[in-house]
Amino acid sequence: MDRIQITYLIFGSALILALLFDLGLMSKKGSVVTAKKAFVQTIFWVFLALAFGIFVYYYDGHEKALQYISAYLMEWSLSIDNIFVFILIFSSLAIHEEYFGRVLLIGILLAVFFRIMFITAGIELITRFTWILYIFGVILIYTGGMMFFAKKEENINLEENRVYKFLRRFFPLVAEDGNGKLTIMRDGKRYYTTIFVVIFLLATTDIVFALDSIPAVFGITQDRLIIYTSNIFAVLGLRSLFFLLKNAVENFRFLPKGIATVLIFVGVKMTSELIHVKISTVISLIVIVLCIGSSILISVRWDKKHPSL
């Protein structure tokens, strides 16, 4: 068994144990996840991700470890932006809080599956056509610019949502949660509940975000192992982060601009290789930490000075 196989084995084992712990702590049917429980779970996922980074350091050296930490922090910060959309989805469909945990679990596991597919396809494309990296870079610069100047959306209009239109066209939907079930029987016919709709929307929403985050991680590294592990750790930690921040995420008003700046920087980093300019992993890590950290700090200070806005 070579070093890469051993690393995958350790990562897989840690992930299985972590998921079992997660299921036992947060996924009991009908239970509401408190802020305290979410805080413990968030610390657990962050600690596990950083512990794996230490393992990478001792096993593959400081350069790979820096790439892993940079990729994880970027994916983690991008995942925070998902939370606001998730909150809007839950509120627009009037899902009871007792079902949040299991719905998020299923939606996020589906998101992990789709991300693995996208990452695998992306790696194969880059291996065959290296110039695709430059296209990714341009896309990230454009996306970051659009995000930086975008206005905050206050609600989601499901009637205009393409995914919801698709579901309504091909599945008989019913406007109730079915006591947490995906489907219910009524007059001998099977109907799909709002729980089913939410899970589908969560998975497809993450796919949209992955179209930005996965090209962005290629700007940090093309190492298959680092890309997989950083993405999976960030996405799996999203559920506990949702419960921790769901009542405060709106206060991070400047975080999207920090994330947008990171995307623009990574896009510039990818395209700069066209003129033979290479930006080191250390600089990338510093920029990511400064952009995300400063945007959160500015948001907190702004809310203290302008509590009514």
Protein backbone atom coordinates (compact mmCIF):
# COMPACT_ATOMS: atom_id res chain seq x y z
CA MET A 1 0.00 0.00 0.00
CA ASP A 2 1.57 3.30 -1.11
CA ARG A 3 1.48 6.67 0.67
CA ILE A 4 -1.52 8.02 -1.25
CA GLN A 5 -3.58 4.90 -0.52
CA ILE A 6 -2.68 5.12 3.18
CA THR A 7 -3.73 8.79 3.22
CA TYR A 8 -7.07 7.97 1.58
CA LEU A 9 -7.57 5.12 4.06
CA ILE A 10 -6.95 7.40 7.05
CA PHE A 11 -9.18 10.12 5.56
CA GLY A 12 -11.98 7.63 4.86
CA SER A 13 -11.77 6.09 8.33
CA ALA A 14 -11.83 9.50 10.02
CA LEU A 15 -14.78 10.52 7.87
CA ILE A 16 -16.84 7.43 8.71
CA LEU A 17 -16.22 7.89 12.45
CA ALA A 18 -17.05 11.60 12.17
CA LEU A 19 -20.32 10.90 10.35
CA LEU A 20 -21.32 8.33 12.97
CA PHE A 21 -20.63 10.92 15.66
CA ASP A 22 -22.56 13.50 13.68
CA LEU A 23 -25.55 11.19 13.28
CA GLY A 24 -25.58 10.37 16.97
CA LEU A 25 -25.31 13.99 18.09
CA MET A 26 -27.40 15.95 15.64
CA SER A 27 -29.71 13.70 13.64
CA LYS A 28 -32.12 12.27 16.17
CA LYS A 29 -35.56 12.36 14.65
CA GLY A 30 -37.71 15.24 15.85
CA SER A 31 -34.95 16.92 17.85
CA VAL A 32 -34.11 20.62 17.53
CA VAL A 33 -30.41 21.44 17.30
CA THR A 34 -29.47 24.06 19.87
CA ALA A 35 -26.79 26.71 19.37
CA LYS A 36 -24.63 24.98 22.02
CA LYS A 37 -24.83 21.63 20.26
CA ALA A 38 -24.10 23.27 16.90
CA PHE A 39 -21.07 25.05 18.39
CA VAL A 40 -19.65 21.75 19.67
CA GLN A 41 -20.23 20.11 16.30
CA THR A 42 -18.69 23.03 14.38
CA ILE A 43 -15.58 22.92 16.58
CA PHE A 44 -15.42 19.17 16.04
CA TRP A 45 -15.50 19.45 12.22
CA VAL A 46 -12.96 22.30 12.15
CA PHE A 47 -10.66 20.41 14.54
CA LEU A 48 -10.93 17.26 12.43
CA ALA A 49 -10.15 19.19 9.24
CA LEU A 50 -7.14 20.92 10.83
CA ALA A 51 -5.94 17.62 12.34
CA PHE A 52 -5.95 16.13 8.86
CA GLY A 53 -3.92 19.16 7.73
CA ILE A 54 -1.32 18.32 10.40
CA PHE A 55 -1.26 14.75 9.10
CA VAL A 56 -0.66 16.06 5.58
CA TYR A 57 2.19 18.22 6.93
CA TYR A 58 3.99 15.28 8.51
CA TYR A 59 3.27 12.94 5.61
CA ASP A 60 3.70 15.17 2.55
CA GLY A 61 5.54 18.28 3.76
CA HIS A 62 4.71 21.90 4.49
CA GLU A 63 3.89 22.90 0.88
CA LYS A 64 1.09 20.31 0.57
CA ALA A 65 -0.15 21.22 4.05
CA LEU A 66 -0.31 24.92 3.12
CA GLN A 67 -2.21 24.03 -0.05
CA TYR A 68 -4.66 21.95 1.96
CA ILE A 69 -5.25 24.66 4.59
CA SER A 70 -5.66 27.32 1.89
CA ALA A 71 -8.13 25.17 -0.05
CA TYR A 72 -10.08 24.26 3.10
CA LEU A 73 -10.35 27.86 4.33
CA MET A 74 -11.50 29.04 0.93
CA GLU A 75 -14.11 26.28 0.60
CA TRP A 76 -15.22 26.83 4.20
CA SER A 77 -15.71 30.56 3.66
CA LEU A 78 -17.58 29.93 0.41
CA SER A 79 -19.83 27.47 2.23
CA ILE A 80 -20.87 30.22 4.67
CA ASP A 81 -22.39 32.03 1.72
CA ASN A 82 -24.56 28.94 1.12
CA ILE A 83 -26.13 29.28 4.55
CA PHE A 84 -28.10 32.43 3.73
CA VAL A 85 -29.65 30.71 0.71
CA PHE A 86 -30.42 27.61 2.81
CA ILE A 87 -32.23 29.79 5.37
CA LEU A 88 -34.34 31.37 2.64
CA ILE A 89 -35.24 27.93 1.25
CA PHE A 90 -36.36 26.64 4.66
CA SER A 91 -38.36 29.76 5.45
CA SER A 92 -40.01 30.01 2.04
CA LEU A 93 -41.32 26.43 2.34
CA ALA A 94 -42.22 26.81 6.04
CA ILE A 95 -40.25 23.75 7.17
CA HIS A 96 -40.46 23.04 10.90
CA GLU A 97 -37.12 23.39 12.70
CA GLU A 98 -37.32 19.84 14.07
CA TYR A 99 -36.75 18.54 10.51
CA PHE A 100 -33.79 20.80 9.68
CA GLY A 101 -31.12 18.34 10.84
CA ARG A 102 -32.11 15.33 8.77
CA VAL A 103 -33.03 17.39 5.72
CA LEU A 104 -29.64 19.10 5.77
CA LEU A 105 -27.87 15.77 6.27
CA ILE A 106 -29.44 14.21 3.17
CA GLY A 107 -29.02 17.38 1.08
CA ILE A 108 -25.36 17.77 2.05
CA LEU A 109 -24.52 14.10 1.45
CA LEU A 110 -26.01 14.49 -2.03
CA ALA A 111 -23.94 17.65 -2.46
CA VAL A 112 -20.76 15.73 -1.52
CA PHE A 113 -21.60 13.08 -4.12
CA PHE A 114 -22.11 15.68 -6.86
CA ARG A 115 -18.94 17.55 -5.87
CA ILE A 116 -16.88 14.36 -6.14
CA MET A 117 -18.26 13.89 -9.65
CA PHE A 118 -17.46 17.51 -10.63
CA ILE A 119 -13.98 17.38 -9.14
CA THR A 120 -13.19 14.11 -10.92
CA ALA A 121 -14.41 15.53 -14.23
CA GLY A 122 -12.51 18.78 -13.65
CA ILE A 123 -9.24 16.98 -12.89
CA GLU A 124 -9.57 14.88 -16.03
CA LEU A 125 -10.23 17.97 -18.14
CA ILE A 126 -7.28 19.87 -16.69
CA THR A 127 -5.00 16.84 -17.15
CA ARG A 128 -5.93 16.68 -20.82
CA PHE A 129 -6.34 20.41 -21.52
CA THR A 130 -4.24 22.59 -19.21
CA TRP A 131 -5.51 25.78 -20.88
CA ILE A 132 -8.89 25.21 -19.19
CA LEU A 133 -7.29 26.61 -16.02
CA TYR A 134 -7.08 30.01 -17.71
CA ILE A 135 -10.78 29.83 -18.63
CA PHE A 136 -11.57 28.97 -15.01
CA GLY A 137 -9.52 31.98 -13.95
CA VAL A 138 -11.47 34.35 -16.18
CA ILE A 139 -14.76 32.86 -14.93
CA LEU A 140 -13.70 33.41 -11.32
CA ILE A 141 -12.71 37.04 -11.97
CA TYR A 142 -16.08 37.68 -13.64
CA THR A 143 -18.03 35.85 -10.90
CA GLY A 144 -16.14 37.65 -8.15
CA GLY A 145 -16.83 41.01 -9.76
CA MET A 146 -20.54 40.25 -10.12
CA MET A 147 -20.71 39.05 -6.49
CA PHE A 148 -18.85 42.12 -5.21
CA PHE A 149 -21.33 44.57 -6.74
CA ALA A 150 -24.45 42.40 -6.39
CA LYS A 151 -27.33 43.57 -4.23
CA LYS A 152 -28.53 41.32 -1.44
CA GLU A 153 -31.64 39.31 -2.23
CA GLU A 154 -34.23 39.44 0.53
CA ASN A 155 -36.32 36.46 -0.55
CA ILE A 156 -36.63 33.56 -2.92
CA ASN A 157 -39.54 33.43 -5.34
CA LEU A 158 -40.14 29.71 -5.73
CA GLU A 159 -42.56 30.26 -8.58
CA GLU A 160 -39.64 31.66 -10.62
CA ASN A 161 -37.13 29.00 -9.51
CA ARG A 162 -36.23 26.73 -12.42
CA VAL A 163 -35.60 23.70 -10.23
CA TYR A 164 -38.97 24.14 -8.50
CA LYS A 165 -40.69 24.50 -11.89
CA PHE A 166 -39.01 21.27 -13.01
CA LEU A 167 -40.13 19.40 -9.90
CA ARG A 168 -43.68 20.71 -10.16
CA ARG A 169 -43.83 19.61 -13.80
CA PHE A 170 -42.64 16.04 -13.26
CA PHE A 171 -43.62 15.27 -9.64
CA PRO A 172 -47.01 15.63 -7.94
CA LEU A 173 -46.21 18.03 -5.11
CA VAL A 174 -48.22 18.73 -1.97
CA ALA A 175 -47.77 21.81 0.23
CA GLU A 176 -47.09 20.01 3.53
CA ASP A 177 -44.09 18.39 5.21
CA GLY A 178 -45.70 14.99 5.74
CA ASN A 179 -44.31 14.81 9.30
CA GLY A 180 -40.80 14.70 7.93
CA LYS A 181 -41.47 12.16 5.16
CA LEU A 182 -40.42 12.58 1.54
CA THR A 183 -43.72 11.25 0.18
CA ILE A 184 -47.25 10.66 1.41
CA MET A 185 -50.21 8.66 0.08
CA ARG A 186 -53.49 10.44 -0.53
CA ASP A 187 -56.54 8.87 -2.21
CA GLY A 188 -54.35 6.03 -3.45
CA LYS A 189 -51.87 8.40 -5.13
CA ARG A 190 -48.33 9.21 -4.02
CA TYR A 191 -47.43 12.87 -3.48
CA TYR A 192 -44.04 14.46 -2.81
CA THR A 193 -43.82 16.71 0.24
CA THR A 194 -42.04 19.99 0.84
CA ILE A 195 -39.29 17.97 2.58
CA PHE A 196 -38.53 16.33 -0.78
CA VAL A 197 -38.51 19.74 -2.47
CA VAL A 198 -36.14 21.23 0.11
CA ILE A 199 -33.64 18.35 -0.19
CA PHE A 200 -33.67 18.71 -3.97
CA LEU A 201 -33.20 22.49 -3.73
CA LEU A 202 -30.35 22.16 -1.20
CA ALA A 203 -28.46 19.74 -3.44
CA THR A 204 -28.96 21.79 -6.60
CA THR A 205 -28.10 25.03 -4.79
CA ASP A 206 -24.77 23.53 -3.72
CA ILE A 207 -24.16 22.48 -7.33
CA VAL A 208 -24.48 26.13 -8.35
CA PHE A 209 -22.03 27.18 -5.65
CA ALA A 210 -19.69 24.35 -6.66
CA LEU A 211 -19.41 25.87 -10.14
CA ASP A 212 -17.46 28.69 -8.43
CA SER A 213 -15.76 26.90 -5.57
CA ILE A 214 -14.36 23.93 -7.48
CA PRO A 215 -12.61 26.05 -10.16
CA ALA A 216 -11.36 28.23 -7.31
CA VAL A 217 -9.70 25.31 -5.52
CA PHE A 218 -7.92 24.41 -8.78
CA GLY A 219 -6.32 27.84 -8.48
CA ILE A 220 -4.77 26.73 -5.18
CA THR A 221 -3.65 23.24 -6.17
CA GLN A 222 -4.19 20.51 -8.74
CA ASP A 223 -3.45 17.76 -6.21
CA ARG A 224 -6.39 15.35 -6.39
CA LEU A 225 -6.20 14.30 -2.73
CA ILE A 226 -6.11 17.87 -1.39
CA ILE A 227 -9.00 18.96 -3.60
CA TYR A 228 -11.20 16.05 -2.54
CA THR A 229 -10.45 16.25 1.18
CA SER A 230 -10.69 20.05 1.53
CA ASN A 231 -14.04 20.11 -0.29
CA ILE A 232 -15.55 17.21 1.64
CA PHE A 233 -14.47 18.53 5.04
CA ALA A 234 -15.84 22.00 4.23
CA VAL A 235 -19.19 20.73 2.94
CA LEU A 236 -19.76 18.21 5.74
CA GLY A 237 -19.12 20.93 8.32
CA LEU A 238 -21.74 23.12 6.68
CA ARG A 239 -24.68 21.56 8.55
CA SER A 240 -23.43 22.38 12.05
CA LEU A 241 -22.33 25.80 10.80
CA PHE A 242 -25.88 26.39 9.54
CA PHE A 243 -27.35 25.87 13.02
CA LEU A 244 -24.63 27.97 14.60
CA LEU A 245 -25.06 30.95 12.27
CA LYS A 246 -28.69 30.74 11.13
CA ASN A 247 -29.74 33.55 13.47
CA ALA A 248 -26.66 35.68 12.84
CA VAL A 249 -25.62 35.09 9.24
CA GLU A 250 -27.46 38.21 8.06
CA ASN A 251 -25.15 40.28 10.26
CA PHE A 252 -22.16 39.30 8.12
CA ARG A 253 -23.15 41.89 5.54
CA PHE A 254 -19.62 42.37 4.18
CA LEU A 255 -18.68 38.67 4.01
CA PRO A 256 -19.89 38.27 0.38
CA LYS A 257 -17.51 41.07 -0.62
CA GLY A 258 -14.65 39.30 1.15
CA ILE A 259 -15.52 36.06 -0.63
CA ALA A 260 -15.79 37.92 -3.94
CA THR A 261 -12.31 39.39 -3.41
CA VAL A 262 -10.93 35.90 -2.78
CA LEU A 263 -12.50 34.63 -6.02
CA ILE A 264 -11.03 37.55 -7.98
CA PHE A 265 -7.59 36.96 -6.42
CA VAL A 266 -7.65 33.24 -7.24
CA GLY A 267 -8.78 34.04 -10.79
CA VAL A 268 -5.88 36.48 -11.19
CA LYS A 269 -3.53 33.86 -9.72
CA MET A 270 -4.65 31.31 -12.31
CA THR A 271 -4.44 33.66 -15.29
CA SER A 272 -1.12 35.24 -14.19
CA GLU A 273 0.69 32.07 -15.22
CA LEU A 274 0.04 33.13 -18.81
CA ILE A 275 2.72 35.81 -18.30
CA HIS A 276 4.89 33.42 -16.25
CA VAL A 277 4.04 35.02 -12.89
CA LYS A 278 3.55 32.46 -10.11
CA ILE A 279 1.95 33.43 -6.81
CA SER A 280 3.10 31.24 -3.91
CA THR A 281 0.80 29.19 -1.70
CA VAL A 282 1.88 31.24 1.35
CA ILE A 283 0.70 34.48 -0.29
CA SER A 284 -2.56 32.79 -1.30
CA LEU A 285 -3.18 31.65 2.27
CA ILE A 286 -2.43 35.13 3.66
CA VAL A 287 -4.81 36.78 1.16
CA ILE A 288 -7.62 34.32 1.91
CA VAL A 289 -7.29 34.77 5.69
CA LEU A 290 -7.09 38.58 5.42
CA CYS A 291 -10.08 38.88 3.06
CA ILE A 292 -12.39 36.58 5.02
CA GLY A 293 -11.21 37.69 8.47
CA SER A 294 -11.38 41.41 7.73
CA SER A 295 -14.83 41.16 6.10
CA ILE A 296 -16.20 39.40 9.20
CA LEU A 297 -14.57 41.90 11.58
CA ILE A 298 -15.84 44.87 9.58
CA SER A 299 -19.34 43.33 9.58
CA VAL A 300 -19.27 42.90 13.37
CA ARG A 301 -18.04 46.45 13.96
CA TRP A 302 -20.61 47.85 11.52
CA ASP A 303 -23.46 46.11 13.35
CA LYS A 304 -22.26 47.49 16.67
CA LYS A 305 -22.17 51.05 15.31
CA HIS A 306 -25.40 50.70 13.28
CA PRO A 307 -27.59 48.24 15.21
CA SER A 308 -30.81 49.45 13.58
CA LEU A 309 -29.63 49.01 9.96
